[in-house]
N, C-alpha and C. Protein backbone atom coordinates (compact mmCIF):
# COMPACT_ATOMS: atom_id res chain seq x y z
N MET A 1 0.82 -1.19 0.02
CA MET A 1 -0.06 0.02 -0.01
C MET A 1 0.74 1.27 0.08
N ARG A 2 1.93 1.26 0.72
CA ARG A 2 2.72 2.36 0.89
C ARG A 2 3.40 2.68 -0.52
N ASN A 3 3.96 1.72 -1.21
CA ASN A 3 4.55 1.92 -2.51
C ASN A 3 3.46 2.41 -3.54
N SER A 4 2.32 2.07 -3.39
CA SER A 4 1.22 2.42 -4.35
C SER A 4 1.05 3.86 -4.24
N PHE A 5 1.01 4.43 -2.86
CA PHE A 5 0.93 5.77 -2.70
C PHE A 5 2.00 6.64 -3.05
N LYS A 6 3.18 6.24 -3.05
CA LYS A 6 4.39 6.91 -3.42
C LYS A 6 4.36 6.96 -4.88
N LYS A 7 3.91 6.04 -5.70
CA LYS A 7 3.97 5.85 -7.06
C LYS A 7 2.90 6.98 -7.54
N ALA A 8 1.73 7.03 -6.99
CA ALA A 8 0.49 7.87 -7.17
C ALA A 8 1.08 9.23 -7.08
N VAL A 9 1.83 9.59 -5.97
CA VAL A 9 2.34 11.07 -5.64
C VAL A 9 3.27 11.29 -6.75
N ALA A 10 4.10 10.46 -7.12
CA ALA A 10 5.21 10.64 -8.27
C ALA A 10 4.51 10.94 -9.50
N VAL A 11 3.37 10.30 -9.93
CA VAL A 11 2.79 10.45 -11.21
C VAL A 11 1.98 11.87 -11.01
N VAL A 12 1.36 12.12 -10.05
CA VAL A 12 0.73 13.45 -9.97
C VAL A 12 1.62 14.60 -9.98
N ALA A 13 2.94 14.44 -9.30
CA ALA A 13 4.02 15.50 -9.47
C ALA A 13 4.45 15.63 -10.87
N ALA A 14 4.78 14.46 -11.54
CA ALA A 14 5.22 14.55 -12.94
C ALA A 14 4.09 15.36 -13.83
N VAL A 15 2.89 14.90 -13.74
CA VAL A 15 1.63 15.58 -14.54
C VAL A 15 1.83 17.02 -14.30
N GLY A 16 1.80 17.40 -13.04
CA GLY A 16 1.88 18.79 -12.70
C GLY A 16 3.02 19.53 -13.48
N ALA A 17 4.13 18.93 -13.28
CA ALA A 17 5.39 19.48 -13.87
C ALA A 17 5.30 19.71 -15.24
N VAL A 18 4.73 18.75 -15.91
CA VAL A 18 4.59 18.82 -17.43
C VAL A 18 3.50 19.87 -17.93
N SER A 19 2.42 19.88 -17.05
CA SER A 19 1.44 20.82 -17.25
C SER A 19 1.98 22.42 -17.07
N ILE A 20 2.75 22.60 -16.01
CA ILE A 20 3.18 23.97 -15.85
C ILE A 20 4.22 24.21 -16.83
N GLY A 21 5.13 23.19 -17.15
CA GLY A 21 6.07 23.53 -18.27
C GLY A 21 5.52 23.75 -19.59
N GLY A 22 4.55 23.18 -19.97
CA GLY A 22 3.70 23.22 -21.18
C GLY A 22 3.09 24.57 -21.23
N ALA A 23 2.58 25.18 -20.12
CA ALA A 23 1.86 26.32 -20.25
C ALA A 23 3.05 27.51 -20.39
N SER A 24 4.31 27.26 -19.82
CA SER A 24 5.33 28.29 -20.01
C SER A 24 5.89 28.12 -21.37
N LEU A 25 5.82 26.97 -22.09
CA LEU A 25 6.32 27.00 -23.39
C LEU A 25 5.28 27.57 -24.34
N ALA A 26 3.95 27.39 -24.05
CA ALA A 26 3.01 27.97 -24.74
C ALA A 26 3.02 29.49 -24.81
N SER A 27 3.16 29.98 -23.71
CA SER A 27 3.46 31.60 -23.41
C SER A 27 4.63 31.95 -24.21
N ALA A 28 5.79 31.24 -24.17
CA ALA A 28 6.93 31.73 -24.83
C ALA A 28 6.90 31.63 -26.22
N ALA A 29 6.05 30.73 -26.71
CA ALA A 29 5.91 30.51 -28.29
C ALA A 29 5.10 31.66 -28.78
N THR A 30 4.25 32.27 -27.99
CA THR A 30 3.41 33.45 -28.54
C THR A 30 4.17 34.90 -28.60
N THR A 31 5.35 34.84 -27.95
CA THR A 31 6.16 36.14 -27.87
C THR A 31 6.95 36.33 -29.15
N GLU A 32 6.83 37.37 -29.84
CA GLU A 32 7.28 37.61 -31.18
C GLU A 32 8.68 38.50 -31.03
N THR A 33 9.80 38.21 -31.81
CA THR A 33 11.07 38.94 -31.76
C THR A 33 10.90 39.85 -32.86
N ILE A 34 11.20 41.19 -32.62
CA ILE A 34 11.18 42.16 -33.60
C ILE A 34 12.43 43.00 -33.69
N SER A 35 12.77 43.55 -34.86
CA SER A 35 13.99 44.32 -34.90
C SER A 35 13.59 45.54 -34.72
N VAL A 36 14.20 46.47 -33.86
CA VAL A 36 13.99 47.82 -33.44
C VAL A 36 14.33 48.88 -34.66
N PRO A 37 13.19 49.56 -34.94
CA PRO A 37 13.51 50.49 -36.15
C PRO A 37 14.21 51.75 -35.65
N ASP A 38 14.98 52.43 -36.62
CA ASP A 38 15.66 53.65 -36.16
C ASP A 38 14.84 54.75 -36.29
N VAL A 39 14.33 55.43 -35.06
CA VAL A 39 13.59 56.57 -35.01
C VAL A 39 14.04 57.84 -34.60
N THR A 40 15.57 57.71 -34.60
CA THR A 40 16.24 58.92 -34.39
C THR A 40 15.91 60.12 -35.21
N GLY A 41 15.65 61.31 -34.61
CA GLY A 41 15.23 62.46 -35.36
C GLY A 41 13.60 62.67 -35.59
N TYR A 42 13.00 61.58 -35.34
CA TYR A 42 11.57 61.59 -35.39
C TYR A 42 11.08 62.44 -34.12
N SER A 43 9.72 62.98 -34.43
CA SER A 43 9.03 63.68 -33.32
C SER A 43 8.71 62.44 -32.50
N ALA A 44 8.25 62.77 -31.21
CA ALA A 44 8.02 61.59 -30.02
C ALA A 44 6.75 61.00 -30.60
N PRO A 45 5.78 61.57 -30.97
CA PRO A 45 4.47 60.92 -31.27
C PRO A 45 4.80 59.99 -32.64
N ALA A 46 5.48 60.50 -33.49
CA ALA A 46 5.82 59.72 -34.73
C ALA A 46 6.72 58.49 -34.28
N ALA A 47 7.64 58.68 -33.47
CA ALA A 47 8.53 57.61 -33.09
C ALA A 47 7.72 56.42 -32.28
N VAL A 48 6.70 56.91 -31.50
CA VAL A 48 5.69 55.93 -30.71
C VAL A 48 4.98 55.18 -31.87
N ASP A 49 4.48 55.92 -32.85
CA ASP A 49 3.71 55.23 -33.85
C ASP A 49 4.61 54.30 -34.63
N VAL A 50 5.80 54.67 -34.95
CA VAL A 50 6.69 53.63 -35.75
C VAL A 50 6.91 52.32 -34.96
N LEU A 51 7.21 52.63 -33.52
CA LEU A 51 7.56 51.50 -32.82
C LEU A 51 6.44 50.51 -32.54
N GLU A 52 5.21 51.31 -32.42
CA GLU A 52 4.08 50.32 -32.11
C GLU A 52 3.55 49.77 -33.37
N ASN A 53 3.69 50.30 -34.55
CA ASN A 53 3.45 49.62 -35.89
C ASN A 53 4.31 48.54 -36.17
N ALA A 54 5.54 48.50 -35.78
CA ALA A 54 6.62 47.60 -35.79
C ALA A 54 6.12 46.35 -34.93
N GLY A 55 5.37 46.55 -33.84
CA GLY A 55 4.86 45.41 -33.22
C GLY A 55 5.10 45.51 -31.64
N PHE A 56 5.83 46.61 -31.25
CA PHE A 56 6.16 46.78 -29.85
C PHE A 56 4.85 47.10 -29.05
N THR A 57 4.71 46.65 -27.89
CA THR A 57 3.62 46.91 -26.97
C THR A 57 3.68 47.80 -26.07
N THR A 58 4.87 48.03 -25.52
CA THR A 58 5.24 48.91 -24.37
C THR A 58 6.22 50.05 -24.92
N VAL A 59 5.77 51.21 -25.29
CA VAL A 59 6.60 52.09 -25.78
C VAL A 59 6.36 53.33 -24.69
N VAL A 60 7.40 53.92 -24.16
CA VAL A 60 7.36 54.94 -23.08
C VAL A 60 8.12 56.16 -23.70
N VAL A 61 7.82 57.43 -23.53
CA VAL A 61 8.57 58.40 -23.86
C VAL A 61 9.00 59.22 -22.64
N SER A 62 10.35 59.57 -22.62
CA SER A 62 11.00 60.18 -21.40
C SER A 62 11.16 61.68 -21.64
N GLY A 63 10.75 62.38 -20.61
CA GLY A 63 10.91 63.84 -20.56
C GLY A 63 9.62 64.67 -20.41
N PRO A 64 9.75 65.94 -20.04
CA PRO A 64 8.63 66.73 -19.91
C PRO A 64 7.82 67.08 -21.18
N TYR A 65 8.48 67.07 -22.27
CA TYR A 65 7.76 67.42 -23.44
C TYR A 65 7.55 66.08 -24.25
N ALA A 66 7.32 65.06 -23.59
CA ALA A 66 7.19 63.85 -24.30
C ALA A 66 6.35 63.71 -25.41
N HIS A 67 5.22 64.36 -25.46
CA HIS A 67 4.34 64.09 -26.48
C HIS A 67 4.08 65.42 -27.34
N ASP A 68 5.06 66.25 -27.25
CA ASP A 68 5.02 67.43 -27.99
C ASP A 68 5.52 67.11 -29.63
N ALA A 69 4.92 67.62 -30.54
CA ALA A 69 5.24 67.34 -31.92
C ALA A 69 6.61 67.89 -32.20
N ASP A 70 6.91 68.90 -31.54
CA ASP A 70 8.26 69.57 -31.88
C ASP A 70 9.43 68.91 -31.36
N THR A 71 9.26 67.84 -30.61
CA THR A 71 10.47 67.24 -29.94
C THR A 71 11.17 66.46 -31.09
N SER A 72 12.40 66.02 -30.78
CA SER A 72 13.23 65.31 -31.62
C SER A 72 13.93 64.13 -30.93
N VAL A 73 13.71 62.88 -31.26
CA VAL A 73 14.20 61.77 -30.64
C VAL A 73 15.74 61.63 -30.67
N THR A 74 16.41 61.49 -29.64
CA THR A 74 17.89 61.55 -29.67
C THR A 74 18.31 60.07 -29.50
N ARG A 75 17.52 59.21 -28.98
CA ARG A 75 17.97 57.80 -28.90
C ARG A 75 16.82 57.00 -28.31
N THR A 76 16.99 55.66 -28.28
CA THR A 76 15.92 54.79 -27.60
C THR A 76 16.76 53.90 -26.60
N SER A 77 16.00 53.24 -25.79
CA SER A 77 16.66 52.40 -24.75
C SER A 77 17.24 51.07 -25.46
N LEU A 78 16.71 50.73 -26.62
CA LEU A 78 17.26 49.74 -27.39
C LEU A 78 17.91 50.30 -28.58
N ALA A 79 19.07 49.93 -29.15
CA ALA A 79 19.47 50.48 -30.27
C ALA A 79 18.78 49.91 -31.46
N ALA A 80 18.78 50.90 -32.52
CA ALA A 80 18.22 50.42 -33.90
C ALA A 80 18.89 49.24 -34.37
N GLY A 81 18.13 48.34 -34.90
CA GLY A 81 18.68 47.13 -35.38
C GLY A 81 18.78 45.93 -34.32
N ASP A 82 18.64 46.31 -33.06
CA ASP A 82 18.70 45.25 -32.17
C ASP A 82 17.34 44.41 -32.17
N THR A 83 17.29 43.28 -31.66
CA THR A 83 15.98 42.50 -31.79
C THR A 83 15.51 42.29 -30.34
N ALA A 84 14.37 42.23 -30.05
CA ALA A 84 13.75 42.14 -28.66
C ALA A 84 12.24 41.57 -28.88
N SER A 85 11.75 41.01 -27.83
CA SER A 85 10.32 40.53 -27.75
C SER A 85 9.51 41.63 -27.95
N ASP A 86 8.23 41.42 -28.43
CA ASP A 86 7.34 42.47 -28.67
C ASP A 86 6.85 43.16 -27.43
N THR A 87 7.13 42.35 -26.27
CA THR A 87 6.58 42.86 -24.88
C THR A 87 7.75 43.67 -24.14
N THR A 88 8.87 43.64 -24.67
CA THR A 88 10.11 44.51 -24.17
C THR A 88 9.66 45.89 -24.19
N PRO A 89 9.73 46.67 -22.95
CA PRO A 89 9.59 47.90 -22.94
C PRO A 89 10.63 48.80 -23.50
N ILE A 90 10.17 49.72 -24.40
CA ILE A 90 11.25 50.56 -25.03
C ILE A 90 10.93 52.05 -24.60
N THR A 91 12.00 52.73 -24.20
CA THR A 91 12.04 54.08 -23.77
C THR A 91 12.52 55.02 -24.99
N VAL A 92 11.76 55.94 -25.25
CA VAL A 92 12.19 56.95 -26.38
C VAL A 92 12.63 58.14 -25.62
N PHE A 93 13.89 58.59 -25.80
CA PHE A 93 14.28 59.76 -25.27
C PHE A 93 14.42 60.89 -26.15
N VAL A 94 13.79 62.09 -25.67
CA VAL A 94 13.60 63.24 -26.58
C VAL A 94 14.62 64.46 -26.35
N ASN A 95 14.84 65.21 -27.16
CA ASN A 95 15.56 66.49 -27.01
C ASN A 95 14.80 67.35 -26.07
N PRO A 96 15.24 67.78 -24.98
CA PRO A 96 16.59 67.99 -24.65
C PRO A 96 17.20 66.81 -23.60
N TRP A 97 16.27 65.89 -23.48
CA TRP A 97 16.64 64.78 -22.45
C TRP A 97 17.49 63.80 -23.25
C-alpha cells in the first residue's frame, strides 16, 4: 500500500510539472521577436507610432515634453537594429533629454 501511494504521488507530481512547463512553453511561443526601427530624429509621437506599428506593445517617452510634436528623438533604450520581444519595454528619449 505504501509503495502504491508513493507511485501515485510521483505520477501526480510529474503530470503537474509537465502541465506547468507546457503552459510556459505555450506562453513563450506566442512572444514575437522584432527588430527595433531607427526613430532618431523623429518627433516623439511619430516615433511611438513607428515602434508600435513595428509590433512593440510597451513604448514610453521620457521627458517633460514627451508628447510634443516639436520634439526630436535622440535615442531609444534599445539600439536600432537590435532584436527584442514584442513585450520588451522601449523608452524613447527626446531632446533635450
